[in-house]
Amino acid sequence: MTNSLPVLCYNPASEEMTLANLSGIVKQLSKERDRLHQQLSGLNAALEAFTGVYRGNSGIKPRRKISAEGRARIAAAQRARWAKAKGIVEVPKERRMSTSARRKIAAAQRARWARVKQGKKAA
């Protein structure tokens, strides 16, 4: 099998190392150094800008505070969503008794206890 590609060998002795060649290489290297220095300074500026934004809070977010009423509203809304998902048509609501109704019940209970205590004294 013959190789159709020519074999390229580097022979440093074949190139002439003159002072002009070396000064051209030095100029190219200094240009490349200056270009890289400019890019690095741009990257450093971008990094400074980003770190300046996040430097103040040291990565810790403050906890948000929510009132008991807010938590109750959120919980009620979540219960309603679950009830809807499970197919329950009406969500039972928390029932509250009025102040006047509580007073009437308390008065009736005091009257009952008074009758019970009266019956124990008589017996």
PDB file of N, CA and C in Angstrom:
ATOM      1  N   MET A   1       0.834  -1.177   0.000  1.00  0.00           N
ATOM      2  CA  MET A   1       0.000   0.000   0.000  1.00  0.00           C
ATOM      3  C   MET A   1       0.877   1.238   0.000  1.00  0.00           C
ATOM      4  N   THR A   2       0.584   2.088  -0.902  1.00  0.00           N
ATOM      5  CA  THR A   2       1.364   3.315  -0.967  1.00  0.00           C
ATOM      6  C   THR A   2       0.510   4.446  -0.437  1.00  0.00           C
ATOM      7  N   ASN A   3       1.136   5.352   0.195  1.00  0.00           N
ATOM      8  CA  ASN A   3       0.435   6.501   0.767  1.00  0.00           C
ATOM      9  C   ASN A   3       0.382   7.596  -0.283  1.00  0.00           C
ATOM     10  N   SER A   4      -0.822   8.059  -0.576  1.00  0.00           N
ATOM     11  CA  SER A   4      -0.957   9.068  -1.615  1.00  0.00           C
ATOM     12  C   SER A   4      -0.620  10.473  -1.098  1.00  0.00           C
ATOM     13  N   LEU A   5      -0.612  10.668   0.242  1.00  0.00           N
ATOM     14  CA  LEU A   5      -0.288  11.966   0.807  1.00  0.00           C
ATOM     15  C   LEU A   5       1.226  12.105   0.936  1.00  0.00           C
ATOM     16  N   PRO A   6       1.728  13.251   0.594  1.00  0.00           N
ATOM     17  CA  PRO A   6       3.176  13.428   0.741  1.00  0.00           C
ATOM     18  C   PRO A   6       3.539  13.539   2.220  1.00  0.00           C
ATOM     19  N   VAL A   7       4.653  13.035   2.556  1.00  0.00           N
ATOM     20  CA  VAL A   7       5.123  13.064   3.931  1.00  0.00           C
ATOM     21  C   VAL A   7       5.804  14.401   4.163  1.00  0.00           C
ATOM     22  N   LEU A   8       5.297  15.109   5.181  1.00  0.00           N
ATOM     23  CA  LEU A   8       5.874  16.399   5.498  1.00  0.00           C
ATOM     24  C   LEU A   8       6.722  16.256   6.750  1.00  0.00           C
ATOM     25  N   CYS A   9       7.941  16.621   6.654  1.00  0.00           N
ATOM     26  CA  CYS A   9       8.840  16.571   7.789  1.00  0.00           C
ATOM     27  C   CYS A   9       9.335  17.976   8.069  1.00  0.00           C
ATOM     28  N   TYR A  10       9.427  18.288   9.339  1.00  0.00           N
ATOM     29  CA  TYR A  10       9.925  19.600   9.713  1.00  0.00           C
ATOM     30  C   TYR A  10      11.418  19.483   9.959  1.00  0.00           C
ATOM     31  N   ASN A  11      12.115  20.286   9.269  1.00  0.00           N
ATOM     32  CA  ASN A  11      13.557  20.300   9.425  1.00  0.00           C
ATOM     33  C   ASN A  11      13.953  21.717   9.802  1.00  0.00           C
ATOM     34  N   PRO A  12      14.268  21.966  11.081  1.00  0.00           N
ATOM     35  CA  PRO A  12      14.596  23.322  11.487  1.00  0.00           C
ATOM     36  C   PRO A  12      15.857  23.858  10.827  1.00  0.00           C
ATOM     37  N   ALA A  13      16.698  22.979  10.385  1.00  0.00           N
ATOM     38  CA  ALA A  13      17.924  23.449   9.745  1.00  0.00           C
ATOM     39  C   ALA A  13      17.642  24.024   8.362  1.00  0.00           C
ATOM     40  N   SER A  14      16.512  23.620   7.761  1.00  0.00           N
ATOM     41  CA  SER A  14      16.213  24.107   6.428  1.00  0.00           C
ATOM     42  C   SER A  14      15.756  25.562   6.442  1.00  0.00           C
ATOM     43  N   GLU A  15      15.162  26.020   7.570  1.00  0.00           N
ATOM     44  CA  GLU A  15      14.736  27.416   7.645  1.00  0.00           C
ATOM     45  C   GLU A  15      15.912  28.254   8.110  1.00  0.00           C
ATOM     46  N   GLU A  16      15.937  29.406   7.575  1.00  0.00           N
ATOM     47  CA  GLU A  16      17.028  30.296   7.927  1.00  0.00           C
ATOM     48  C   GLU A  16      16.600  31.128   9.126  1.00  0.00           C
ATOM     49  N   MET A  17      17.335  31.052  10.212  1.00  0.00           N
ATOM     50  CA  MET A  17      17.024  31.797  11.427  1.00  0.00           C
ATOM     51  C   MET A  17      17.794  33.105  11.377  1.00  0.00           C
ATOM     52  N   THR A  18      17.129  34.115  10.902  1.00  0.00           N
ATOM     53  CA  THR A  18      17.783  35.407  10.803  1.00  0.00           C
ATOM     54  C   THR A  18      17.234  36.323  11.872  1.00  0.00           C
ATOM     55  N   LEU A  19      17.850  37.417  12.045  1.00  0.00           N
ATOM     56  CA  LEU A  19      17.416  38.404  13.029  1.00  0.00           C
ATOM     57  C   LEU A  19      16.080  39.011  12.630  1.00  0.00           C
ATOM     58  N   ALA A  20      15.805  39.130  11.338  1.00  0.00           N
ATOM     59  CA  ALA A  20      14.537  39.679  10.858  1.00  0.00           C
ATOM     60  C   ALA A  20      13.387  38.741  11.220  1.00  0.00           C
ATOM     61  N   ASN A  21      13.621  37.422  11.060  1.00  0.00           N
ATOM     62  CA  ASN A  21      12.587  36.448  11.421  1.00  0.00           C
ATOM     63  C   ASN A  21      12.288  36.516  12.915  1.00  0.00           C
ATOM     64  N   LEU A  22      13.315  36.611  13.723  1.00  0.00           N
ATOM     65  CA  LEU A  22      13.112  36.661  15.174  1.00  0.00           C
ATOM     66  C   LEU A  22      12.382  37.934  15.597  1.00  0.00           C
ATOM     67  N   SER A  23      12.718  39.054  15.001  1.00  0.00           N
ATOM     68  CA  SER A  23      12.037  40.289  15.382  1.00  0.00           C
ATOM     69  C   SER A  23      10.569  40.253  14.951  1.00  0.00           C
ATOM     70  N   GLY A  24      10.253  39.623  13.831  1.00  0.00           N
ATOM     71  CA  GLY A  24       8.859  39.468  13.400  1.00  0.00           C
ATOM     72  C   GLY A  24       8.083  38.595  14.369  1.00  0.00           C
ATOM     73  N   ILE A  25       8.714  37.530  14.839  1.00  0.00           N
ATOM     74  CA  ILE A  25       8.070  36.629  15.796  1.00  0.00           C
ATOM     75  C   ILE A  25       7.814  37.367  17.105  1.00  0.00           C
ATOM     76  N   VAL A  26       8.777  38.156  17.536  1.00  0.00           N
ATOM     77  CA  VAL A  26       8.626  38.911  18.781  1.00  0.00           C
ATOM     78  C   VAL A  26       7.491  39.917  18.651  1.00  0.00           C
ATOM     79  N   LYS A  27       7.386  40.566  17.497  1.00  0.00           N
ATOM     80  CA  LYS A  27       6.298  41.530  17.283  1.00  0.00           C
ATOM     81  C   LYS A  27       4.938  40.832  17.329  1.00  0.00           C
ATOM     82  N   GLN A  28       4.837  39.665  16.689  1.00  0.00           N
ATOM     83  CA  GLN A  28       3.569  38.928  16.700  1.00  0.00           C
ATOM     84  C   GLN A  28       3.199  38.503  18.120  1.00  0.00           C
ATOM     85  N   LEU A  29       4.196  38.050  18.861  1.00  0.00           N
ATOM     86  CA  LEU A  29       3.922  37.621  20.233  1.00  0.00           C
ATOM     87  C   LEU A  29       3.491  38.793  21.108  1.00  0.00           C
ATOM     88  N   SER A  30       4.111  39.948  20.917  1.00  0.00           N
ATOM     89  CA  SER A  30       3.714  41.100  21.724  1.00  0.00           C
ATOM     90  C   SER A  30       2.303  41.575  21.349  1.00  0.00           C
ATOM     91  N   LYS A  31       1.970  41.489  20.047  1.00  0.00           N
ATOM     92  CA  LYS A  31       0.607  41.834  19.632  1.00  0.00           C
ATOM     93  C   LYS A  31      -0.408  40.889  20.290  1.00  0.00           C
ATOM     94  N   GLU A  32      -0.088  39.606  20.270  1.00  0.00           N
ATOM     95  CA  GLU A  32      -0.981  38.598  20.867  1.00  0.00           C
ATOM     96  C   GLU A  32      -1.115  38.838  22.375  1.00  0.00           C
ATOM     97  N   ARG A  33       0.009  39.180  23.030  1.00  0.00           N
ATOM     98  CA  ARG A  33      -0.031  39.469  24.464  1.00  0.00           C
ATOM     99  C   ARG A  33      -0.933  40.665  24.742  1.00  0.00           C
ATOM    100  N   ASP A  34      -0.830  41.720  23.951  1.00  0.00           N
ATOM    101  CA  ASP A  34      -1.648  42.911  24.153  1.00  0.00           C
ATOM    102  C   ASP A  34      -3.133  42.611  23.931  1.00  0.00           C
ATOM    103  N   ARG A  35      -3.407  41.790  22.907  1.00  0.00           N
ATOM    104  CA  ARG A  35      -4.797  41.422  22.630  1.00  0.00           C
ATOM    105  C   ARG A  35      -5.382  40.618  23.799  1.00  0.00           C
ATOM    106  N   LEU A  36      -4.610  39.652  24.296  1.00  0.00           N
ATOM    107  CA  LEU A  36      -5.079  38.844  25.423  1.00  0.00           C
ATOM    108  C   LEU A  36      -5.234  39.689  26.683  1.00  0.00           C
ATOM    109  N   HIS A  37      -4.332  40.642  26.875  1.00  0.00           N
ATOM    110  CA  HIS A  37      -4.428  41.524  28.035  1.00  0.00           C
ATOM    111  C   HIS A  37      -5.714  42.350  27.978  1.00  0.00           C
ATOM    112  N   GLN A  38      -6.082  42.810  26.807  1.00  0.00           N
ATOM    113  CA  GLN A  38      -7.305  43.592  26.633  1.00  0.00           C
ATOM    114  C   GLN A  38      -8.534  42.722  26.920  1.00  0.00           C
ATOM    115  N   GLN A  39      -8.516  41.496  26.417  1.00  0.00           N
ATOM    116  CA  GLN A  39      -9.640  40.593  26.671  1.00  0.00           C
ATOM    117  C   GLN A  39      -9.764  40.283  28.158  1.00  0.00           C
ATOM    118  N   LEU A  40      -8.638  40.032  28.811  1.00  0.00           N
ATOM    119  CA  LEU A  40      -8.673  39.722  30.234  1.00  0.00           C
ATOM    120  C   LEU A  40      -9.172  40.904  31.058  1.00  0.00           C
ATOM    121  N   SER A  41      -8.793  42.102  30.676  1.00  0.00           N
ATOM    122  CA  SER A  41      -9.277  43.264  31.424  1.00  0.00           C
ATOM    123  C   SER A  41     -10.794  43.413  31.249  1.00  0.00           C
ATOM    124  N   GLY A  42     -11.313  43.103  30.064  1.00  0.00           N
ATOM    125  CA  GLY A  42     -12.762  43.126  29.853  1.00  0.00           C
ATOM    126  C   GLY A  42     -13.466  42.077  30.692  1.00  0.00           C
ATOM    127  N   LEU A  43     -12.889  40.875  30.747  1.00  0.00           N
ATOM    128  CA  LEU A  43     -13.476  39.811  31.568  1.00  0.00           C
ATOM    129  C   LEU A  43     -13.443  40.180  33.049  1.00  0.00           C
ATOM    130  N   ASN A  44     -12.344  40.778  33.494  1.00  0.00           N
ATOM    131  CA  ASN A  44     -12.245  41.186  34.895  1.00  0.00           C
ATOM    132  C   ASN A  44     -13.290  42.252  35.229  1.00  0.00           C
ATOM    133  N   ALA A  45     -13.520  43.171  34.313  1.00  0.00           N
ATOM    134  CA  ALA A  45     -14.537  44.203  34.543  1.00  0.00           C
ATOM    135  C   ALA A  45     -15.927  43.579  34.638  1.00  0.00           C
ATOM    136  N   ALA A  46     -16.208  42.603  33.772  1.00  0.00           N
ATOM    137  CA  ALA A  46     -17.511  41.932  33.820  1.00  0.00           C
ATOM    138  C   ALA A  46     -17.682  41.175  35.132  1.00  0.00           C
ATOM    139  N   LEU A  47     -16.632  40.490  35.568  1.00  0.00           N
ATOM    140  CA  LEU A  47     -16.702  39.765  36.839  1.00  0.00           C
ATOM    141  C   LEU A  47     -16.932  40.716  38.004  1.00  0.00           C
ATOM    142  N   GLU A  48     -16.269  41.834  37.998  1.00  0.00           N
ATOM    143  CA  GLU A  48     -16.455  42.825  39.060  1.00  0.00           C
ATOM    144  C   GLU A  48     -17.896  43.330  39.084  1.00  0.00           C
ATOM    145  N   ALA A  49     -18.455  43.536  37.911  1.00  0.00           N
ATOM    146  CA  ALA A  49     -19.838  44.021  37.846  1.00  0.00           C
ATOM    147  C   ALA A  49     -20.797  42.993  38.421  1.00  0.00           C
ATOM    148  N   PHE A  50     -20.604  41.722  38.067  1.00  0.00           N
ATOM    149  CA  PHE A  50     -21.494  40.672  38.574  1.00  0.00           C
ATOM    150  C   PHE A  50     -21.319  40.448  40.059  1.00  0.00           C
ATOM    151  N   THR A  51     -20.074  40.418  40.533  1.00  0.00           N
ATOM    152  CA  THR A  51     -19.876  40.179  41.959  1.00  0.00           C
ATOM    153  C   THR A  51     -20.323  41.367  42.790  1.00  0.00           C
ATOM    154  N   GLY A  52     -20.288  42.569  42.229  1.00  0.00           N
ATOM    155  CA  GLY A  52     -20.767  43.735  42.952  1.00  0.00           C
ATOM    156  C   GLY A  52     -22.255  43.675  43.213  1.00  0.00           C
ATOM    157  N   VAL A  53     -22.990  43.068  42.311  1.00  0.00           N
ATOM    158  CA  VAL A  53     -24.439  42.957  42.477  1.00  0.00           C
ATOM    159  C   VAL A  53     -24.772  42.004  43.614  1.00  0.00           C
ATOM    160  N   TYR A  54     -24.030  40.909  43.735  1.00  0.00           N
ATOM    161  CA  TYR A  54     -24.357  39.865  44.699  1.00  0.00           C
ATOM    162  C   TYR A  54     -23.532  39.935  45.977  1.00  0.00           C
ATOM    163  N   ARG A  55     -22.691  40.914  46.120  1.00  0.00           N
ATOM    164  CA  ARG A  55     -21.792  40.963  47.264  1.00  0.00           C
ATOM    165  C   ARG A  55     -22.512  41.327  48.555  1.00  0.00           C
ATOM    166  N   GLY A  56     -23.555  42.159  48.488  1.00  0.00           N
ATOM    167  CA  GLY A  56     -24.168  42.713  49.681  1.00  0.00           C
ATOM    168  C   GLY A  56     -24.856  41.703  50.580  1.00  0.00           C
ATOM    169  N   ASN A  57     -25.555  40.712  50.043  1.00  0.00           N
ATOM    170  CA  ASN A  57     -26.352  39.823  50.879  1.00  0.00           C
ATOM    171  C   ASN A  57     -25.649  38.517  51.210  1.00  0.00           C
ATOM    172  N   SER A  58     -24.464  38.309  50.751  1.00  0.00           N
ATOM    173  CA  SER A  58     -23.659  37.109  50.993  1.00  0.00           C
ATOM    174  C   SER A  58     -24.423  35.821  50.694  1.00  0.00           C
ATOM    175  N   GLY A  59     -25.337  35.844  49.737  1.00  0.00           N
ATOM    176  CA  GLY A  59     -26.006  34.639  49.266  1.00  0.00           C
ATOM    177  C   GLY A  59     -27.157  34.172  50.127  1.00  0.00           C
ATOM    178  N   ILE A  60     -27.526  34.879  51.197  1.00  0.00           N
ATOM    179  CA  ILE A  60     -28.608  34.443  52.071  1.00  0.00           C
ATOM    180  C   ILE A  60     -29.817  35.331  51.823  1.00  0.00           C
ATOM    181  N   LYS A  61     -30.913  34.705  51.461  1.00  0.00           N
ATOM    182  CA  LYS A  61     -32.136  35.469  51.224  1.00  0.00           C
ATOM    183  C   LYS A  61     -32.874  35.631  52.558  1.00  0.00           C
ATOM    184  N   PRO A  62     -33.416  36.816  52.825  1.00  0.00           N
ATOM    185  CA  PRO A  62     -34.192  36.966  54.057  1.00  0.00           C
ATOM    186  C   PRO A  62     -35.501  36.207  53.946  1.00  0.00           C
ATOM    187  N   ARG A  63     -35.919  35.624  55.070  1.00  0.00           N
ATOM    188  CA  ARG A  63     -37.168  34.866  55.063  1.00  0.00           C
ATOM    189  C   ARG A  63     -38.344  35.827  55.014  1.00  0.00           C
ATOM    190  N   ARG A  64     -39.329  35.455  54.235  1.00  0.00           N
ATOM    191  CA  ARG A  64     -40.515  36.290  54.137  1.00  0.00           C
ATOM    192  C   ARG A  64     -41.456  35.934  55.274  1.00  0.00           C
ATOM    193  N   LYS A  65     -42.016  36.941  55.890  1.00  0.00           N
ATOM    194  CA  LYS A  65     -42.942  36.712  56.994  1.00  0.00           C
ATOM    195  C   LYS A  65     -44.364  36.857  56.476  1.00  0.00           C
ATOM    196  N   ILE A  66     -45.234  35.973  56.932  1.00  0.00           N
ATOM    197  CA  ILE A  66     -46.618  36.014  56.500  1.00  0.00           C
ATOM    198  C   ILE A  66     -47.487  35.924  57.753  1.00  0.00           C
ATOM    199  N   SER A  67     -48.584  36.631  57.740  1.00  0.00           N
ATOM    200  CA  SER A  67     -49.466  36.661  58.910  1.00  0.00           C
ATOM    201  C   SER A  67     -50.243  35.352  59.026  1.00  0.00           C
ATOM    202  N   ALA A  68     -50.839  35.156  60.201  1.00  0.00           N
ATOM    203  CA  ALA A  68     -51.647  33.953  60.421  1.00  0.00           C
ATOM    204  C   ALA A  68     -52.850  33.949  59.486  1.00  0.00           C
ATOM    205  N   GLU A  69     -53.413  35.131  59.237  1.00  0.00           N
ATOM    206  CA  GLU A  69     -54.563  35.213  58.330  1.00  0.00           C
ATOM    207  C   GLU A  69     -54.150  34.830  56.905  1.00  0.00           C
ATOM    208  N   GLY A  70     -52.986  35.277  56.518  1.00  0.00           N
ATOM    209  CA  GLY A  70     -52.486  34.925  55.185  1.00  0.00           C
ATOM    210  C   GLY A  70     -52.277  33.434  55.044  1.00  0.00           C
ATOM    211  N   ARG A  71     -51.678  32.819  56.076  1.00  0.00           N
ATOM    212  CA  ARG A  71     -51.482  31.357  56.042  1.00  0.00           C
ATOM    213  C   ARG A  71     -52.818  30.637  56.001  1.00  0.00           C
ATOM    214  N   ALA A  72     -53.814  31.145  56.757  1.00  0.00           N
ATOM    215  CA  ALA A  72     -55.146  30.523  56.767  1.00  0.00           C
ATOM    216  C   ALA A  72     -55.793  30.612  55.393  1.00  0.00           C
ATOM    217  N   ARG A  73     -55.645  31.766  54.723  1.00  0.00           N
ATOM    218  CA  ARG A  73     -56.209  31.901  53.370  1.00  0.00           C
ATOM    219  C   ARG A  73     -55.544  30.933  52.405  1.00  0.00           C
ATOM    220  N   ILE A  74     -54.223  30.816  52.515  1.00  0.00           N
ATOM    221  CA  ILE A  74     -53.498  29.891  51.626  1.00  0.00           C
ATOM    222  C   ILE A  74     -53.947  28.457  51.887  1.00  0.00           C
ATOM    223  N   ALA A  75     -54.077  28.082  53.171  1.00  0.00           N
ATOM    224  CA  ALA A  75     -54.497  26.720  53.508  1.00  0.00           C
ATOM    225  C   ALA A  75     -55.907  26.443  53.004  1.00  0.00           C
ATOM    226  N   ALA A  76     -56.807  27.420  53.155  1.00  0.00           N
ATOM    227  CA  ALA A  76     -58.184  27.231  52.682  1.00  0.00           C
ATOM    228  C   ALA A  76     -58.221  27.077  51.169  1.00  0.00           C
ATOM    229  N   ALA A  77     -57.400  27.864  50.479  1.00  0.00           N
ATOM    230  CA  ALA A  77     -57.360  27.752  49.021  1.00  0.00           C
ATOM    231  C   ALA A  77     -56.821  26.390  48.601  1.00  0.00           C
ATOM    232  N   GLN A  78     -55.820  25.893  49.319  1.00  0.00           N
ATOM    233  CA  GLN A  78     -55.265  24.578  48.984  1.00  0.00           C
ATOM    234  C   GLN A  78     -56.285  23.476  49.267  1.00  0.00           C
ATOM    235  N   ARG A  79     -57.010  23.582  50.379  1.00  0.00           N
ATOM    236  CA  ARG A  79     -58.059  22.582  50.657  1.00  0.00           C
ATOM    237  C   ARG A  79     -59.117  22.601  49.566  1.00  0.00           C
ATOM    238  N   ALA A  80     -59.464  23.791  49.085  1.00  0.00           N
ATOM    239  CA  ALA A  80     -60.454  23.893  48.013  1.00  0.00           C
ATOM    240  C   ALA A  80     -59.928  23.245  46.734  1.00  0.00           C
ATOM    241  N   ARG A  81     -58.626  23.446  46.444  1.00  0.00           N
ATOM    242  CA  ARG A  81     -58.051  22.816  45.243  1.00  0.00           C
ATOM    243  C   ARG A  81     -58.078  21.297  45.359  1.00  0.00           C
ATOM    244  N   TRP A  82     -57.735  20.762  46.551  1.00  0.00           N
ATOM    245  CA  TRP A  82     -57.764  19.313  46.725  1.00  0.00           C
ATOM    246  C   TRP A  82     -59.191  18.785  46.631  1.00  0.00           C
ATOM    247  N   ALA A  83     -60.137  19.511  47.200  1.00  0.00           N
ATOM    248  CA  ALA A  83     -61.530  19.063  47.126  1.00  0.00           C
ATOM    249  C   ALA A  83     -62.001  19.029  45.682  1.00  0.00           C
ATOM    250  N   LYS A  84     -61.616  20.032  44.917  1.00  0.00           N
ATOM    251  CA  LYS A  84     -61.994  20.068  43.507  1.00  0.00           C
ATOM    252  C   LYS A  84     -61.342  18.910  42.752  1.00  0.00           C
ATOM    253  N   ALA A  85     -60.090  18.610  43.074  1.00  0.00           N
ATOM    254  CA  ALA A  85     -59.388  17.517  42.402  1.00  0.00           C
ATOM    255  C   ALA A  85     -59.989  16.167  42.765  1.00  0.00           C
ATOM    256  N   LYS A  86     -60.448  16.033  43.994  1.00  0.00           N
ATOM    257  CA  LYS A  86     -61.024  14.756  44.432  1.00  0.00           C
ATOM    258  C   LYS A  86     -62.492  14.616  44.047  1.00  0.00           C
ATOM    259  N   GLY A  87     -63.091  15.677  43.551  1.00  0.00           N
ATOM    260  CA  GLY A  87     -64.475  15.608  43.095  1.00  0.00           C
ATOM    261  C   GLY A  87     -65.489  15.987  44.139  1.00  0.00           C
ATOM    262  N   ILE A  88     -65.078  16.517  45.271  1.00  0.00           N
ATOM    263  CA  ILE A  88     -66.014  16.983  46.284  1.00  0.00           C
ATOM    264  C   ILE A  88     -66.534  18.338  45.825  1.00  0.00           C
ATOM    265  N   VAL A  89     -67.867  18.420  45.708  1.00  0.00           N
ATOM    266  CA  VAL A  89     -68.448  19.627  45.129  1.00  0.00           C
ATOM    267  C   VAL A  89     -68.329  20.809  46.087  1.00  0.00           C
ATOM    268  N   GLU A  90     -68.772  20.624  47.316  1.00  0.00           N
ATOM    269  CA  GLU A  90     -68.783  21.733  48.256  1.00  0.00           C
ATOM    270  C   GLU A  90     -67.747  21.488  49.343  1.00  0.00           C
ATOM    271  N   VAL A  91     -66.962  22.467  49.585  1.00  0.00           N
ATOM    272  CA  VAL A  91     -65.946  22.365  50.622  1.00  0.00           C
ATOM    273  C   VAL A  91     -66.579  22.824  51.927  1.00  0.00           C
ATOM    274  N   PRO A  92     -66.504  21.985  52.977  1.00  0.00           N
ATOM    275  CA  PRO A  92     -67.087  22.427  54.240  1.00  0.00           C
ATOM    276  C   PRO A  92     -66.336  23.646  54.758  1.00  0.00           C
ATOM    277  N   LYS A  93     -67.106  24.665  55.135  1.00  0.00           N
ATOM    278  CA  LYS A  93     -66.506  25.903  55.622  1.00  0.00           C
ATOM    279  C   LYS A  93     -66.508  25.892  57.139  1.00  0.00           C
ATOM    280  N   GLU A  94     -65.597  26.630  57.698  1.00  0.00           N
ATOM    281  CA  GLU A  94     -65.522  26.728  59.143  1.00  0.00           C
ATOM    282  C   GLU A  94     -66.718  27.547  59.627  1.00  0.00           C
ATOM    283  N   ARG A  95     -67.469  26.968  60.534  1.00  0.00           N
ATOM    284  CA  ARG A  95     -68.661  27.650  61.023  1.00  0.00           C
ATOM    285  C   ARG A  95     -68.321  28.377  62.310  1.00  0.00           C
ATOM    286  N   ARG A  96     -68.847  29.565  62.435  1.00  0.00           N
ATOM    287  CA  ARG A  96     -68.595  30.361  63.634  1.00  0.00           C
ATOM    288  C   ARG A  96     -69.931  30.787  64.237  1.00  0.00           C
ATOM    289  N   MET A  97     -69.911  30.761  65.534  1.00  0.00           N
ATOM    290  CA  MET A  97     -71.110  31.142  66.264  1.00  0.00           C
ATOM    291  C   MET A  97     -71.019  32.631  66.601  1.00  0.00           C
ATOM    292  N   SER A  98     -72.138  33.294  66.554  1.00  0.00           N
ATOM    293  CA  SER A  98     -72.135  34.720  66.878  1.00  0.00           C
ATOM    294  C   SER A  98     -71.957  34.902  68.390  1.00  0.00           C
ATOM    295  N   THR A  99     -71.576  36.093  68.779  1.00  0.00           N
ATOM    296  CA  THR A  99     -71.344  36.389  70.195  1.00  0.00           C
ATOM    297  C   THR A  99     -72.636  36.288  70.984  1.00  0.00           C
ATOM    298  N   SER A 100     -73.706  36.767  70.418  1.00  0.00           N
ATOM    299  CA  SER A 100     -74.998  36.709  71.131  1.00  0.00           C
ATOM    300  C   SER A 100     -75.452  35.261  71.313  1.00  0.00           C
ATOM    301  N   ALA A 101     -75.235  34.415  70.328  1.00  0.00           N
ATOM    302  CA  ALA A 101     -75.612  33.005  70.452  1.00  0.00           C
ATOM    303  C   ALA A 101     -74.779  32.331  71.543  1.00  0.00           C
ATOM    304  N   ARG A 102     -73.476  32.663  71.632  1.00  0.00           N
ATOM    305  CA  ARG A 102     -72.632  32.094  72.685  1.00  0.00           C
ATOM    306  C   ARG A 102     -73.122  32.521  74.063  1.00  0.00           C
ATOM    307  N   ARG A 103     -73.515  33.784  74.182  1.00  0.00           N
ATOM    308  CA  ARG A 103     -74.004  34.279  75.466  1.00  0.00           C
ATOM    309  C   ARG A 103     -75.293  33.563  75.887  1.00  0.00           C
ATOM    310  N   LYS A 104     -76.175  33.327  74.916  1.00  0.00           N
ATOM    311  CA  LYS A 104     -77.430  32.626  75.222  1.00  0.00           C
ATOM    312  C   LYS A 104     -77.152  31.197  75.691  1.00  0.00           C
ATOM    313  N   ILE A 105     -76.236  30.516  75.007  1.00  0.00           N
ATOM    314  CA  ILE A 105     -75.899  29.138  75.379  1.00  0.00           C
ATOM    315  C   ILE A 105     -75.255  29.118  76.764  1.00  0.00           C
ATOM    316  N   ALA A 106     -74.357  30.073  77.037  1.00  0.00           N
ATOM    317  CA  ALA A 106     -73.691  30.126  78.338  1.00  0.00           C
ATOM    318  C   ALA A 106     -74.712  30.380  79.444  1.00  0.00           C
ATOM    319  N   ALA A 107     -75.668  31.269  79.200  1.00  0.00           N
ATOM    320  CA  ALA A 107     -76.700  31.550  80.213  1.00  0.00           C
ATOM    321  C   ALA A 107     -77.551  30.319  80.454  1.00  0.00           C
ATOM    322  N   ALA A 108     -77.914  29.604  79.381  1.00  0.00           N
ATOM    323  CA  ALA A 108     -78.719  28.382  79.529  1.00  0.00           C
ATOM    324  C   ALA A 108     -77.935  27.327  80.298  1.00  0.00           C
ATOM    325  N   GLN A 109     -76.641  27.197  80.043  1.00  0.00           N
ATOM    326  CA  GLN A 109     -75.815  26.219  80.743  1.00  0.00           C
ATOM    327  C   GLN A 109     -75.699  26.578  82.230  1.00  0.00           C
ATOM    328  N   ARG A 110     -75.557  27.868  82.547  1.00  0.00           N
ATOM    329  CA  ARG A 110     -75.493  28.288  83.950  1.00  0.00           C
ATOM    330  C   ARG A 110     -76.812  27.961  84.660  1.00  0.00           C
ATOM    331  N   ALA A 111     -77.910  28.154  83.946  1.00  0.00           N
ATOM    332  CA  ALA A 111     -79.225  27.840  84.537  1.00  0.00           C
ATOM    333  C   ALA A 111     -79.345  26.339  84.794  1.00  0.00           C
ATOM    334  N   ARG A 112     -78.872  25.520  83.880  1.00  0.00           N
ATOM    335  CA  ARG A 112     -78.915  24.057  84.079  1.00  0.00           C
ATOM    336  C   ARG A 112     -78.100  23.654  85.299  1.00  0.00           C
ATOM    337  N   TRP A 113     -76.886  24.178  85.414  1.00  0.00           N
ATOM    338  CA  TRP A 113     -76.029  23.841  86.547  1.00  0.00           C
ATOM    339  C   TRP A 113     -76.650  24.340  87.857  1.00  0.00           C
ATOM    340  N   ALA A 114     -77.292  25.487  87.784  1.00  0.00           N
ATOM    341  CA  ALA A 114     -77.958  25.990  88.998  1.00  0.00           C
ATOM    342  C   ALA A 114     -79.059  25.026  89.430  1.00  0.00           C
ATOM    343  N   ARG A 115     -79.815  24.488  88.467  1.00  0.00           N
ATOM    344  CA  ARG A 115     -80.869  23.522  88.794  1.00  0.00           C
ATOM    345  C   ARG A 115     -80.264  22.240  89.357  1.00  0.00           C
ATOM    346  N   VAL A 116     -79.127  21.794  88.769  1.00  0.00           N
ATOM    347  CA  VAL A 116     -78.490  20.574  89.261  1.00  0.00           C
ATOM    348  C   VAL A 116     -78.011  20.777  90.699  1.00  0.00           C
ATOM    349  N   LYS A 117     -77.379  21.915  90.968  1.00  0.00           N
ATOM    350  CA  LYS A 117     -76.876  22.192  92.300  1.00  0.00           C
ATOM    351  C   LYS A 117     -78.028  22.358  93.294  1.00  0.00           C
ATOM    352  N   GLN A 118     -79.132  22.951  92.857  1.00  0.00           N
ATOM    353  CA  GLN A 118     -80.311  23.114  93.703  1.00  0.00           C
ATOM    354  C   GLN A 118     -80.875  21.758  94.064  1.00  0.00           C
ATOM    355  N   GLY A 119     -80.884  20.812  93.090  1.00  0.00           N
ATOM    356  CA  GLY A 119     -81.408  19.472  93.340  1.00  0.00           C
ATOM    357  C   GLY A 119     -80.519  18.706  94.331  1.00  0.00           C
ATOM    358  N   LYS A 120     -79.194  18.916  94.296  1.00  0.00           N
ATOM    359  CA  LYS A 120     -78.294  18.248  95.222  1.00  0.00           C
ATOM    360  C   LYS A 120     -78.460  18.795  96.632  1.00  0.00           C
ATOM    361  N   LYS A 121     -78.727  20.091  96.777  1.00  0.00           N
ATOM    362  CA  LYS A 121     -78.918  20.681  98.090  1.00  0.00           C
ATOM    363  C   LYS A 121     -80.229  20.203  98.720  1.00  0.00           C
ATOM    364  N   ALA A 122     -81.253  20.031  97.896  1.00  0.00           N
ATOM    365  CA  ALA A 122     -82.553  19.593  98.382  1.00  0.00           C
ATOM    366  C   ALA A 122     -82.503  18.124  98.801  1.00  0.00           C
ATOM    367  N   ALA A 123     -81.679  17.341  98.163  1.00  0.00           N
ATOM    368  CA  ALA A 123     -81.656  15.901  98.434  1.00  0.00           C
ATOM    369  C   ALA A 123     -80.851  15.537  99.632  1.00  0.00           C
TER     370      ALA A 123
END
